[in-house]
């Protein structure tokens, strides 16, 4: 439990420090786990995410206010960036 709390704090700090528009490498973007504990919004974000265990892109629907780092608008973009 403490590990997840520390991880959440680290993620929050990184999100606050990295300015918007900073690009991330494909490897970093594809391997980042989805964290559903962020601020929720009424509008649902629909897109695609890369599942590292299955090595494939999957549909994503979340009500997070900001789309997660591991999210893509199209399955083609997800496959191009992440599929090995």
Protein backbone atom coordinates (compact mmCIF):
# COMPACT_ATOMS: atom_id res chain seq x y z
CA UNK A 1 0.00 0.00 0.00
CA UNK A 2 2.84 2.40 0.85
CA UNK A 3 4.47 1.59 -2.48
CA UNK A 4 1.39 2.70 -4.41
CA UNK A 5 1.11 5.87 -2.35
CA UNK A 6 4.75 6.73 -3.05
CA UNK A 7 4.26 5.88 -6.73
CA UNK A 8 1.19 8.11 -6.92
CA UNK A 9 3.08 11.01 -5.31
CA UNK A 10 5.97 10.55 -7.76
CA UNK A 11 3.60 10.56 -10.72
CA UNK A 12 1.85 13.68 -9.42
CA UNK A 13 5.20 15.47 -9.03
CA UNK A 14 6.30 14.46 -12.53
CA UNK A 15 3.01 15.63 -14.02
CA UNK A 16 3.41 18.98 -12.28
CA UNK A 17 7.06 19.41 -13.34
CA UNK A 18 6.84 18.34 -16.99
CA UNK A 19 5.33 21.22 -18.96
CA UNK A 20 2.50 20.55 -21.43
CA UNK A 21 3.67 19.81 -24.93
CA UNK A 22 6.79 17.91 -23.87
CA UNK A 23 6.99 14.80 -25.97
CA UNK A 24 7.74 11.41 -24.49
CA UNK A 25 9.56 8.57 -26.22
CA UNK A 26 7.39 5.84 -27.73
CA UNK A 27 8.87 3.32 -25.29
CA UNK A 28 8.01 5.49 -22.29
CA UNK A 29 4.55 6.26 -23.61
CA UNK A 30 3.70 2.65 -24.52
CA UNK A 31 5.00 1.15 -21.27
CA UNK A 32 3.28 3.56 -18.87
CA UNK A 33 0.50 1.88 -16.91
CA UNK A 34 -2.94 3.49 -16.88
CA UNK A 35 -3.65 5.10 -13.50
CA UNK A 36 -7.39 5.50 -12.96
CA UNK A 37 -6.96 7.35 -9.66
CA UNK A 38 -6.69 10.84 -11.15
CA UNK A 39 -9.31 13.58 -11.15
CA UNK A 40 -12.55 12.41 -12.78
CA UNK A 41 -14.60 14.46 -15.25
CA UNK A 42 -18.10 14.02 -16.62
CA UNK A 43 -17.02 13.54 -20.24
CA UNK A 44 -15.62 10.13 -21.13
CA UNK A 45 -12.36 9.92 -23.09
CA UNK A 46 -12.37 7.14 -25.67
CA UNK A 47 -9.27 6.00 -27.44
CA UNK A 48 -6.74 3.18 -27.41
CA UNK A 49 -4.02 2.04 -25.02
CA UNK A 50 -1.15 -0.42 -25.37
CA UNK A 51 -1.34 -3.52 -23.18
CA UNK A 52 2.28 -4.57 -22.59
CA UNK A 53 1.36 -8.02 -21.26
CA UNK A 54 -0.72 -8.91 -24.33
CA UNK A 55 1.55 -6.89 -26.70
CA UNK A 56 -1.46 -5.33 -28.39
CA UNK A 57 -3.50 -2.14 -28.53
CA UNK A 58 -6.89 -2.19 -26.84
CA UNK A 59 -9.85 0.15 -26.56
CA UNK A 60 -9.74 2.59 -23.66
CA UNK A 61 -12.65 4.41 -22.07
CA UNK A 62 -11.93 6.54 -19.02
CA UNK A 63 -13.41 9.55 -17.28
CA UNK A 64 -10.05 10.98 -16.27
CA UNK A 65 -9.89 14.73 -16.91
CA UNK A 66 -6.60 14.35 -18.80
CA UNK A 67 -6.02 11.42 -21.15
CA UNK A 68 -3.34 9.09 -19.74
CA UNK A 69 0.16 9.14 -21.26
CA UNK A 70 -0.46 5.64 -22.67
CA UNK A 71 -3.42 6.72 -24.80
CA UNK A 72 -3.81 7.16 -28.53
CA UNK A 73 -6.62 8.58 -30.66
CA UNK A 74 -6.50 5.75 -33.22
CA UNK A 75 -5.57 2.09 -33.12
CA UNK A 76 -3.24 2.66 -36.09
CA UNK A 77 -1.25 5.28 -34.15
CA UNK A 78 -1.06 2.95 -31.15
CA UNK A 79 0.13 0.03 -33.31
CA UNK A 80 2.73 2.16 -35.15
CA UNK A 81 4.25 3.47 -31.94
CA UNK A 82 4.04 0.42 -29.68
CA UNK A 83 3.69 -2.90 -31.51
CA UNK A 84 6.91 -4.94 -31.59
